[in-house]
C-alpha cells in the first residue's frame, strides 16, 4: 500500500488517503513521529499500529478539550472518556499523562470548588465536603481546602441566609416555622451547632395574619362536622399542631366567636 495524498484537516489533524481509497484522520503528532509523507510505502501492520496509536491520541485530546471547559476531577474525566467508548487501559495511560502535565491537580480543583460554591451556592461545608468525597478526592486535601474559608465567614453567610428564610412567606406557627428552618439548613450541610447558634440571633417575627389565616381555614373545614366545644377543641388542637403557641391560640379564641 502507498500513501497517495495528505491534506490539512480540522485543528491538529491531517487527512491521509491510501492507495486502497481509504481516508483516515491522523493527528499531527503521529505524522511527525512516523514521517508520514505522500508516496510512502506502508504495510498492513504499520497501518494497524498507526490507527491504534491515533486512537490513544484522540482520547488524550478529547480529555484536554473537556478540561478546557472547566476544571475536572480524575473521576469526572474517567467517566467522560468511558462514555466515549475508549478502552480502560487507554484511558488510564492518558489520565496519567495529563496528571504528569499538571492539569489534574486535586488541590487546584478543591480550592476552586470551595471558592465558587461559597460565592454562588447556599450549600454548607458538610454538603460540599460530601460532594468532593463522592468524586473520590483525598479527604485530607478536602479538609485542607475547607480551612481556606473561616468559620466566621460561614457564620456570617448562614445568618444572612437564615434571616432571609425566616422572613419568607409561610403559614406556620413560629415554633413549627423555626424547626422547618433549622431542618432546611441542616439539609444544606451546615453543622447543627452552627444553626443553633445563629437561630438565636435571628429576628423571628410572629405574623398575626398567619394564625388568623389558619383559624379561618380550620373553622370553614370543621364547622361542617362539629359545633360548640368540640369545634373549639378541634381548632385549638390543629393550631397547636401548626406550631402556634398556646398563649396565642387562647388569645385568638377569646376574640373569635364560633
C-alpha atoms as a PDB file:
ATOM      1  CA  UNK A   1       0.000   0.000   0.000  1.00  0.00           C
ATOM      2  CA  UNK A   2       1.024   3.567  -0.607  1.00  0.00           C
ATOM      3  CA  UNK A   3       0.025   6.935   0.829  1.00  0.00           C
ATOM      4  CA  UNK A   4      -1.356   8.837  -2.139  1.00  0.00           C
ATOM      5  CA  UNK A   5      -2.338  12.144  -0.576  1.00  0.00           C
ATOM      6  CA  UNK A   6      -2.072  14.197   2.621  1.00  0.00           C
ATOM      7  CA  UNK A   7      -4.009  17.374   3.330  1.00  0.00           C
ATOM      8  CA  UNK A   8      -4.718  19.518   6.398  1.00  0.00           C
ATOM      9  CA  UNK A   9      -7.801  18.552   8.362  1.00  0.00           C
ATOM     10  CA  UNK A  10      -9.550  20.163  11.308  1.00  0.00           C
ATOM     11  CA  UNK A  11      -7.403  21.619  14.098  1.00  0.00           C
ATOM     12  CA  UNK A  12      -4.292  19.471  14.616  1.00  0.00           C
ATOM     13  CA  UNK A  13      -5.201  16.661  12.219  1.00  0.00           C
ATOM     14  CA  UNK A  14      -4.345  15.618   8.665  1.00  0.00           C
ATOM     15  CA  UNK A  15      -6.419  13.597   6.197  1.00  0.00           C
ATOM     16  CA  UNK A  16      -4.417  10.685   4.827  1.00  0.00           C
ATOM     17  CA  UNK A  17      -5.525   8.940   1.627  1.00  0.00           C
ATOM     18  CA  UNK A  18      -4.189   5.452   0.950  1.00  0.00           C
ATOM     19  CA  UNK A  19      -3.972   3.630  -2.386  1.00  0.00           C
ATOM     20  CA  UNK A  20      -6.839   1.350  -1.367  1.00  0.00           C
ATOM     21  CA  UNK A  21      -9.019   4.541  -1.355  1.00  0.00           C
ATOM     22  CA  UNK A  22      -9.239   4.559   2.451  1.00  0.00           C
ATOM     23  CA  UNK A  23      -9.123   8.046   4.003  1.00  0.00           C
ATOM     24  CA  UNK A  24      -8.062   8.444   7.617  1.00  0.00           C
ATOM     25  CA  UNK A  25      -7.745  11.374  10.002  1.00  0.00           C
ATOM     26  CA  UNK A  26      -4.442  11.306  11.897  1.00  0.00           C
ATOM     27  CA  UNK A  27      -3.118  13.731  14.495  1.00  0.00           C
ATOM     28  CA  UNK A  28      -0.036  15.755  13.576  1.00  0.00           C
ATOM     29  CA  UNK A  29       1.879  14.104  16.454  1.00  0.00           C
ATOM     30  CA  UNK A  30       1.584  10.819  14.555  1.00  0.00           C
ATOM     31  CA  UNK A  31       2.516  12.404  11.225  1.00  0.00           C
ATOM     32  CA  UNK A  32       5.741  13.785  12.650  1.00  0.00           C
ATOM     33  CA  UNK A  33       6.629  10.678  14.675  1.00  0.00           C
ATOM     34  CA  UNK A  34       6.357   8.259  11.745  1.00  0.00           C
ATOM     35  CA  UNK A  35       7.308  10.745   8.993  1.00  0.00           C
ATOM     36  CA  UNK A  36       4.118  10.048   7.115  1.00  0.00           C
ATOM     37  CA  UNK A  37       4.530  11.587   3.646  1.00  0.00           C
ATOM     38  CA  UNK A  38       2.942  11.172   0.188  1.00  0.00           C
ATOM     39  CA  UNK A  39       4.198   8.159  -1.823  1.00  0.00           C
ATOM     40  CA  UNK A  40       5.388   6.426   1.367  1.00  0.00           C
ATOM     41  CA  UNK A  41       5.012   2.657   1.140  1.00  0.00           C
ATOM     42  CA  UNK A  42       3.327   1.094   4.187  1.00  0.00           C
ATOM     43  CA  UNK A  43       2.290  -2.354   5.352  1.00  0.00           C
ATOM     44  CA  UNK A  44      -0.992  -3.511   6.904  1.00  0.00           C
ATOM     45  CA  UNK A  45       0.863  -3.974  10.176  1.00  0.00           C
ATOM     46  CA  UNK A  46       2.106  -0.376  10.138  1.00  0.00           C
ATOM     47  CA  UNK A  47      -1.346   0.954   9.334  1.00  0.00           C
ATOM     48  CA  UNK A  48      -2.909  -1.039  12.191  1.00  0.00           C
ATOM     49  CA  UNK A  49      -0.247   0.311  14.560  1.00  0.00           C
ATOM     50  CA  UNK A  50      -0.899   3.902  13.436  1.00  0.00           C
ATOM     51  CA  UNK A  51      -4.650   3.528  13.892  1.00  0.00           C
ATOM     52  CA  UNK A  52      -4.196   2.180  17.408  1.00  0.00           C
ATOM     53  CA  UNK A  53      -1.806   4.962  18.399  1.00  0.00           C
ATOM     54  CA  UNK A  54      -4.022   7.599  16.815  1.00  0.00           C
ATOM     55  CA  UNK A  55      -6.938   6.353  18.922  1.00  0.00           C
ATOM     56  CA  UNK A  56      -4.813   6.942  22.033  1.00  0.00           C
ATOM     57  CA  UNK A  57      -4.061  10.471  20.848  1.00  0.00           C
ATOM     58  CA  UNK A  58      -7.740  11.049  20.150  1.00  0.00           C
ATOM     59  CA  UNK A  59      -8.559  10.009  23.738  1.00  0.00           C
ATOM     60  CA  UNK A  60      -5.887  12.396  25.036  1.00  0.00           C
ATOM     61  CA  UNK A  61      -7.118  15.407  23.048  1.00  0.00           C
ATOM     62  CA  UNK A  62     -10.722  14.598  23.915  1.00  0.00           C
ATOM     63  CA  UNK A  63      -9.740  14.790  27.578  1.00  0.00           C
ATOM     64  CA  UNK A  64      -7.823  18.053  27.087  1.00  0.00           C
ATOM     65  CA  UNK A  65     -10.805  19.603  25.321  1.00  0.00           C
ATOM     66  CA  UNK A  66     -13.110  18.505  28.173  1.00  0.00           C
ATOM     67  CA  UNK A  67     -10.717  20.061  30.687  1.00  0.00           C
ATOM     68  CA  UNK A  68     -10.611  23.329  28.749  1.00  0.00           C
ATOM     69  CA  UNK A  69     -14.287  23.978  29.521  1.00  0.00           C
ATOM     70  CA  UNK A  70     -13.746  23.917  33.305  1.00  0.00           C
ATOM     71  CA  UNK A  71     -11.681  22.154  35.968  1.00  0.00           C
ATOM     72  CA  UNK A  72     -12.449  18.457  36.376  1.00  0.00           C
ATOM     73  CA  UNK A  73     -11.660  15.664  38.799  1.00  0.00           C
ATOM     74  CA  UNK A  74      -9.963  12.454  37.728  1.00  0.00           C
ATOM     75  CA  UNK A  75     -13.245  10.606  38.271  1.00  0.00           C
ATOM     76  CA  UNK A  76     -15.155  13.035  36.030  1.00  0.00           C
ATOM     77  CA  UNK A  77     -12.504  12.645  33.323  1.00  0.00           C
ATOM     78  CA  UNK A  78     -12.633   8.868  33.544  1.00  0.00           C
ATOM     79  CA  UNK A  79     -16.439   8.774  33.312  1.00  0.00           C
ATOM     80  CA  UNK A  80     -16.424  11.149  30.332  1.00  0.00           C
ATOM     81  CA  UNK A  81     -13.842   9.133  28.399  1.00  0.00           C
ATOM     82  CA  UNK A  82     -15.575   5.832  29.189  1.00  0.00           C
ATOM     83  CA  UNK A  83     -18.802   7.334  27.883  1.00  0.00           C
ATOM     84  CA  UNK A  84     -16.914   7.987  24.645  1.00  0.00           C
ATOM     85  CA  UNK A  85     -16.076   4.271  24.439  1.00  0.00           C
ATOM     86  CA  UNK A  86     -12.319   4.411  24.936  1.00  0.00           C
ATOM     87  CA  UNK A  87     -10.642   1.306  26.337  1.00  0.00           C
ATOM     88  CA  UNK A  88      -9.825   1.099  30.037  1.00  0.00           C
ATOM     89  CA  UNK A  89      -6.061   0.876  29.501  1.00  0.00           C
ATOM     90  CA  UNK A  90      -6.037   3.771  27.015  1.00  0.00           C
ATOM     91  CA  UNK A  91      -7.923   5.969  29.479  1.00  0.00           C
ATOM     92  CA  UNK A  92      -5.578   5.027  32.306  1.00  0.00           C
ATOM     93  CA  UNK A  93      -2.476   5.883  30.251  1.00  0.00           C
ATOM     94  CA  UNK A  94      -3.863   9.234  29.139  1.00  0.00           C
ATOM     95  CA  UNK A  95      -5.034  10.258  32.600  1.00  0.00           C
ATOM     96  CA  UNK A  96      -1.539   9.523  33.914  1.00  0.00           C
ATOM     97  CA  UNK A  97      -0.096  11.647  31.110  1.00  0.00           C
ATOM     98  CA  UNK A  98      -2.486  14.533  31.823  1.00  0.00           C
ATOM     99  CA  UNK A  99      -1.688  14.300  35.547  1.00  0.00           C
ATOM    100  CA  UNK A 100       2.053  14.488  34.858  1.00  0.00           C
ATOM    101  CA  UNK A 101       1.406  17.633  32.830  1.00  0.00           C
ATOM    102  CA  UNK A 102      -0.110  19.193  35.958  1.00  0.00           C
ATOM    103  CA  UNK A 103      -3.612  19.534  34.522  1.00  0.00           C
ATOM    104  CA  UNK A 104      -5.377  17.342  37.098  1.00  0.00           C
ATOM    105  CA  UNK A 105      -4.127  18.698  40.410  1.00  0.00           C
ATOM    106  CA  UNK A 106      -6.596  17.857  43.173  1.00  0.00           C
ATOM    107  CA  UNK A 107      -5.541  20.854  45.272  1.00  0.00           C
ATOM    108  CA  UNK A 108      -6.382  23.320  42.492  1.00  0.00           C
ATOM    109  CA  UNK A 109      -9.749  21.692  41.850  1.00  0.00           C
ATOM    110  CA  UNK A 110     -10.682  21.650  45.544  1.00  0.00           C
ATOM    111  CA  UNK A 111      -9.670  25.278  46.063  1.00  0.00           C
ATOM    112  CA  UNK A 112     -11.667  26.451  43.041  1.00  0.00           C
ATOM    113  CA  UNK A 113     -14.630  24.281  44.048  1.00  0.00           C
ATOM    114  CA  UNK A 114     -14.879  25.763  47.557  1.00  0.00           C
ATOM    115  CA  UNK A 115     -14.403  29.338  46.338  1.00  0.00           C
ATOM    116  CA  UNK A 116     -17.146  29.023  43.721  1.00  0.00           C
ATOM    117  CA  UNK A 117     -19.523  27.106  45.994  1.00  0.00           C
ATOM    118  CA  UNK A 118     -19.145  29.626  48.815  1.00  0.00           C
ATOM    119  CA  UNK A 119     -19.874  32.529  46.457  1.00  0.00           C
ATOM    120  CA  UNK A 120     -22.596  31.070  44.254  1.00  0.00           C
ATOM    121  CA  UNK A 121     -24.445  28.358  46.214  1.00  0.00           C
ATOM    122  CA  UNK A 122     -26.252  28.088  49.563  1.00  0.00           C
ATOM    123  CA  UNK A 123     -24.704  24.722  50.441  1.00  0.00           C
ATOM    124  CA  UNK A 124     -22.879  24.386  53.749  1.00  0.00           C
ATOM    125  CA  UNK A 125     -19.404  22.906  54.347  1.00  0.00           C
ATOM    126  CA  UNK A 126     -20.610  19.389  55.220  1.00  0.00           C
ATOM    127  CA  UNK A 127     -22.574  19.013  51.992  1.00  0.00           C
ATOM    128  CA  UNK A 128     -19.718  20.433  49.932  1.00  0.00           C
ATOM    129  CA  UNK A 129     -17.270  18.057  51.573  1.00  0.00           C
ATOM    130  CA  UNK A 130     -19.517  15.088  50.731  1.00  0.00           C
ATOM    131  CA  UNK A 131     -19.719  16.176  47.094  1.00  0.00           C
ATOM    132  CA  UNK A 132     -15.928  16.105  46.877  1.00  0.00           C
ATOM    133  CA  UNK A 133     -15.718  12.752  48.659  1.00  0.00           C
ATOM    134  CA  UNK A 134     -18.140  11.413  46.042  1.00  0.00           C
ATOM    135  CA  UNK A 135     -15.560  12.467  43.442  1.00  0.00           C
ATOM    136  CA  UNK A 136     -13.058  10.183  45.224  1.00  0.00           C
ATOM    137  CA  UNK A 137     -10.745  13.023  46.213  1.00  0.00           C
ATOM    138  CA  UNK A 138      -8.461  12.637  49.227  1.00  0.00           C
ATOM    139  CA  UNK A 139     -10.195  13.587  52.486  1.00  0.00           C
ATOM    140  CA  UNK A 140      -7.044  15.216  53.893  1.00  0.00           C
ATOM    141  CA  UNK A 141      -6.849  17.535  50.871  1.00  0.00           C
ATOM    142  CA  UNK A 142     -10.558  18.326  51.173  1.00  0.00           C
ATOM    143  CA  UNK A 143     -10.091  19.255  54.837  1.00  0.00           C
ATOM    144  CA  UNK A 144      -7.164  21.491  53.895  1.00  0.00           C
ATOM    145  CA  UNK A 145      -9.322  23.159  51.250  1.00  0.00           C
ATOM    146  CA  UNK A 146     -12.090  23.747  53.793  1.00  0.00           C
ATOM    147  CA  UNK A 147      -9.678  25.659  56.015  1.00  0.00           C
ATOM    148  CA  UNK A 148      -9.340  28.435  53.435  1.00  0.00           C
ATOM    149  CA  UNK A 149     -12.852  29.629  54.363  1.00  0.00           C
ATOM    150  CA  UNK A 150     -13.013  30.517  58.050  1.00  0.00           C
ATOM    151  CA  UNK A 151     -15.826  29.574  60.403  1.00  0.00           C
ATOM    152  CA  UNK A 152     -16.558  33.291  60.880  1.00  0.00           C
ATOM    153  CA  UNK A 153     -17.224  33.697  57.149  1.00  0.00           C
ATOM    154  CA  UNK A 154     -19.524  30.670  57.158  1.00  0.00           C
ATOM    155  CA  UNK A 155     -21.465  32.023  60.153  1.00  0.00           C
ATOM    156  CA  UNK A 156     -21.920  35.429  58.519  1.00  0.00           C
ATOM    157  CA  UNK A 157     -23.262  33.744  55.398  1.00  0.00           C
ATOM    158  CA  UNK A 158     -25.514  31.418  57.402  1.00  0.00           C
ATOM    159  CA  UNK A 159     -27.004  34.318  59.363  1.00  0.00           C
ATOM    160  CA  UNK A 160     -27.874  36.196  56.161  1.00  0.00           C
ATOM    161  CA  UNK A 161     -29.448  33.114  54.617  1.00  0.00           C
ATOM    162  CA  UNK A 162     -31.380  32.207  57.750  1.00  0.00           C
ATOM    163  CA  UNK A 163     -32.748  35.711  58.255  1.00  0.00           C
ATOM    164  CA  UNK A 164     -33.917  35.751  54.641  1.00  0.00           C
ATOM    165  CA  UNK A 165     -35.553  32.352  55.118  1.00  0.00           C
ATOM    166  CA  UNK A 166     -37.172  33.467  58.403  1.00  0.00           C
ATOM    167  CA  UNK A 167     -38.694  36.476  56.626  1.00  0.00           C
ATOM    168  CA  UNK A 168     -40.075  34.459  53.720  1.00  0.00           C
ATOM    169  CA  UNK A 169     -43.809  33.871  53.374  1.00  0.00           C
ATOM    170  CA  UNK A 170     -45.307  30.946  55.292  1.00  0.00           C
ATOM    171  CA  UNK A 171     -48.450  29.977  57.224  1.00  0.00           C
ATOM    172  CA  UNK A 172     -46.901  28.046  60.110  1.00  0.00           C
ATOM    173  CA  UNK A 173     -46.774  28.977  63.739  1.00  0.00           C
ATOM    174  CA  UNK A 174     -43.481  30.356  64.984  1.00  0.00           C
ATOM    175  CA  UNK A 175     -42.427  27.137  66.746  1.00  0.00           C
ATOM    176  CA  UNK A 176     -43.019  24.973  63.702  1.00  0.00           C
ATOM    177  CA  UNK A 177     -41.525  27.538  61.330  1.00  0.00           C
ATOM    178  CA  UNK A 178     -38.314  27.720  63.368  1.00  0.00           C
ATOM    179  CA  UNK A 179     -37.983  23.934  63.238  1.00  0.00           C
ATOM    180  CA  UNK A 180     -38.577  23.892  59.485  1.00  0.00           C
ATOM    181  CA  UNK A 181     -35.836  26.492  59.004  1.00  0.00           C
ATOM    182  CA  UNK A 182     -33.414  24.564  61.207  1.00  0.00           C
ATOM    183  CA  UNK A 183     -34.098  21.358  59.253  1.00  0.00           C
ATOM    184  CA  UNK A 184     -33.706  23.236  55.974  1.00  0.00           C
ATOM    185  CA  UNK A 185     -30.203  24.469  56.791  1.00  0.00           C
ATOM    186  CA  UNK A 186     -29.203  21.122  58.263  1.00  0.00           C
ATOM    187  CA  UNK A 187     -30.132  19.531  54.930  1.00  0.00           C
ATOM    188  CA  UNK A 188     -27.978  22.157  53.200  1.00  0.00           C
ATOM    189  CA  UNK A 189     -24.986  20.858  55.108  1.00  0.00           C
ATOM    190  CA  UNK A 190     -24.441  23.307  57.968  1.00  0.00           C
ATOM    191  CA  UNK A 191     -23.320  21.860  61.323  1.00  0.00           C
ATOM    192  CA  UNK A 192     -26.214  21.647  63.776  1.00  0.00           C
ATOM    193  CA  UNK A 193     -24.369  23.630  66.456  1.00  0.00           C
ATOM    194  CA  UNK A 194     -23.833  26.490  63.976  1.00  0.00           C
ATOM    195  CA  UNK A 195     -27.526  26.509  63.121  1.00  0.00           C
ATOM    196  CA  UNK A 196     -28.500  26.550  66.798  1.00  0.00           C
ATOM    197  CA  UNK A 197     -26.092  29.394  67.476  1.00  0.00           C
ATOM    198  CA  UNK A 198     -27.329  31.532  64.590  1.00  0.00           C
ATOM    199  CA  UNK A 199     -31.023  30.786  65.204  1.00  0.00           C
ATOM    200  CA  UNK A 200     -30.786  32.735  68.481  1.00  0.00           C
ATOM    201  CA  UNK A 201     -29.589  35.809  66.562  1.00  0.00           C
ATOM    202  CA  UNK A 202     -32.431  35.757  64.044  1.00  0.00           C
ATOM    203  CA  UNK A 203     -35.404  38.112  64.360  1.00  0.00           C
ATOM    204  CA  UNK A 204     -38.376  35.756  64.266  1.00  0.00           C
ATOM    205  CA  UNK A 205     -41.498  37.822  63.656  1.00  0.00           C
ATOM    206  CA  UNK A 206     -44.778  36.149  64.527  1.00  0.00           C
ATOM    207  CA  UNK A 207     -47.191  37.431  61.932  1.00  0.00           C
ATOM    208  CA  UNK A 208     -50.672  37.608  63.460  1.00  0.00           C
ATOM    209  CA  UNK A 209     -52.111  37.182  59.994  1.00  0.00           C
ATOM    210  CA  UNK A 210     -50.835  33.582  59.950  1.00  0.00           C
ATOM    211  CA  UNK A 211     -52.858  32.360  62.884  1.00  0.00           C
ATOM    212  CA  UNK A 212     -55.953  34.218  61.667  1.00  0.00           C
ATOM    213  CA  UNK A 213     -55.495  32.722  58.190  1.00  0.00           C
ATOM    214  CA  UNK A 214     -55.199  29.197  59.634  1.00  0.00           C
ATOM    215  CA  UNK A 215     -58.111  29.777  62.039  1.00  0.00           C
ATOM    216  CA  UNK A 216     -60.411  30.797  59.178  1.00  0.00           C
ATOM    217  CA  UNK A 217     -59.422  27.726  57.133  1.00  0.00           C
ATOM    218  CA  UNK A 218     -59.963  25.363  60.058  1.00  0.00           C
ATOM    219  CA  UNK A 219     -63.288  26.923  61.002  1.00  0.00           C
ATOM    220  CA  UNK A 220     -64.575  26.603  57.459  1.00  0.00           C
ATOM    221  CA  UNK A 221     -63.457  22.955  57.278  1.00  0.00           C
ATOM    222  CA  UNK A 222     -64.564  21.662  60.689  1.00  0.00           C
ATOM    223  CA  UNK A 223     -67.745  23.694  61.271  1.00  0.00           C
ATOM    224  CA  UNK A 224     -69.442  21.409  58.764  1.00  0.00           C
ATOM    225  CA  UNK A 225     -68.801  18.414  61.034  1.00  0.00           C
ATOM    226  CA  UNK A 226     -68.524  19.803  64.571  1.00  0.00           C
ATOM    227  CA  UNK A 227     -70.014  22.509  66.746  1.00  0.00           C
ATOM    228  CA  UNK A 228     -69.687  24.028  70.211  1.00  0.00           C
ATOM    229  CA  UNK A 229     -66.874  22.828  72.458  1.00  0.00           C
ATOM    230  CA  UNK A 230     -65.915  20.017  70.099  1.00  0.00           C
ATOM    231  CA  UNK A 231     -65.319  22.542  67.320  1.00  0.00           C
ATOM    232  CA  UNK A 232     -63.314  24.799  69.647  1.00  0.00           C
ATOM    233  CA  UNK A 233     -61.186  21.861  70.806  1.00  0.00           C
ATOM    234  CA  UNK A 234     -60.510  20.691  67.231  1.00  0.00           C
ATOM    235  CA  UNK A 235     -59.464  24.152  66.023  1.00  0.00           C
ATOM    236  CA  UNK A 236     -57.185  24.714  69.030  1.00  0.00           C
ATOM    237  CA  UNK A 237     -55.634  21.264  68.529  1.00  0.00           C
ATOM    238  CA  UNK A 238     -54.911  21.880  64.853  1.00  0.00           C
ATOM    239  CA  UNK A 239     -53.488  25.342  65.510  1.00  0.00           C
ATOM    240  CA  UNK A 240     -51.143  23.897  68.114  1.00  0.00           C
ATOM    241  CA  UNK A 241     -50.028  21.216  65.642  1.00  0.00           C
ATOM    242  CA  UNK A 242     -49.223  24.002  63.172  1.00  0.00           C
ATOM    243  CA  UNK A 243     -46.744  25.396  65.694  1.00  0.00           C
ATOM    244  CA  UNK A 244     -48.707  28.288  67.182  1.00  0.00           C
ATOM    245  CA  UNK A 245     -48.129  28.957  70.870  1.00  0.00           C
ATOM    246  CA  UNK A 246     -50.837  28.103  73.416  1.00  0.00           C
ATOM    247  CA  UNK A 247     -50.985  31.732  74.596  1.00  0.00           C
ATOM    248  CA  UNK A 248     -51.546  32.918  71.026  1.00  0.00           C
ATOM    249  CA  UNK A 249     -54.281  30.376  70.435  1.00  0.00           C
ATOM    250  CA  UNK A 250     -56.109  31.193  73.677  1.00  0.00           C
ATOM    251  CA  UNK A 251     -55.912  34.916  72.957  1.00  0.00           C
ATOM    252  CA  UNK A 252     -57.308  34.429  69.474  1.00  0.00           C
ATOM    253  CA  UNK A 253     -60.093  32.126  70.619  1.00  0.00           C
ATOM    254  CA  UNK A 254     -61.234  34.713  73.178  1.00  0.00           C
ATOM    255  CA  UNK A 255     -61.568  37.295  70.413  1.00  0.00           C
ATOM    256  CA  UNK A 256     -63.338  34.988  67.987  1.00  0.00           C
ATOM    257  CA  UNK A 257     -66.935  33.889  68.402  1.00  0.00           C
ATOM    258  CA  UNK A 258     -67.562  30.498  66.856  1.00  0.00           C
END
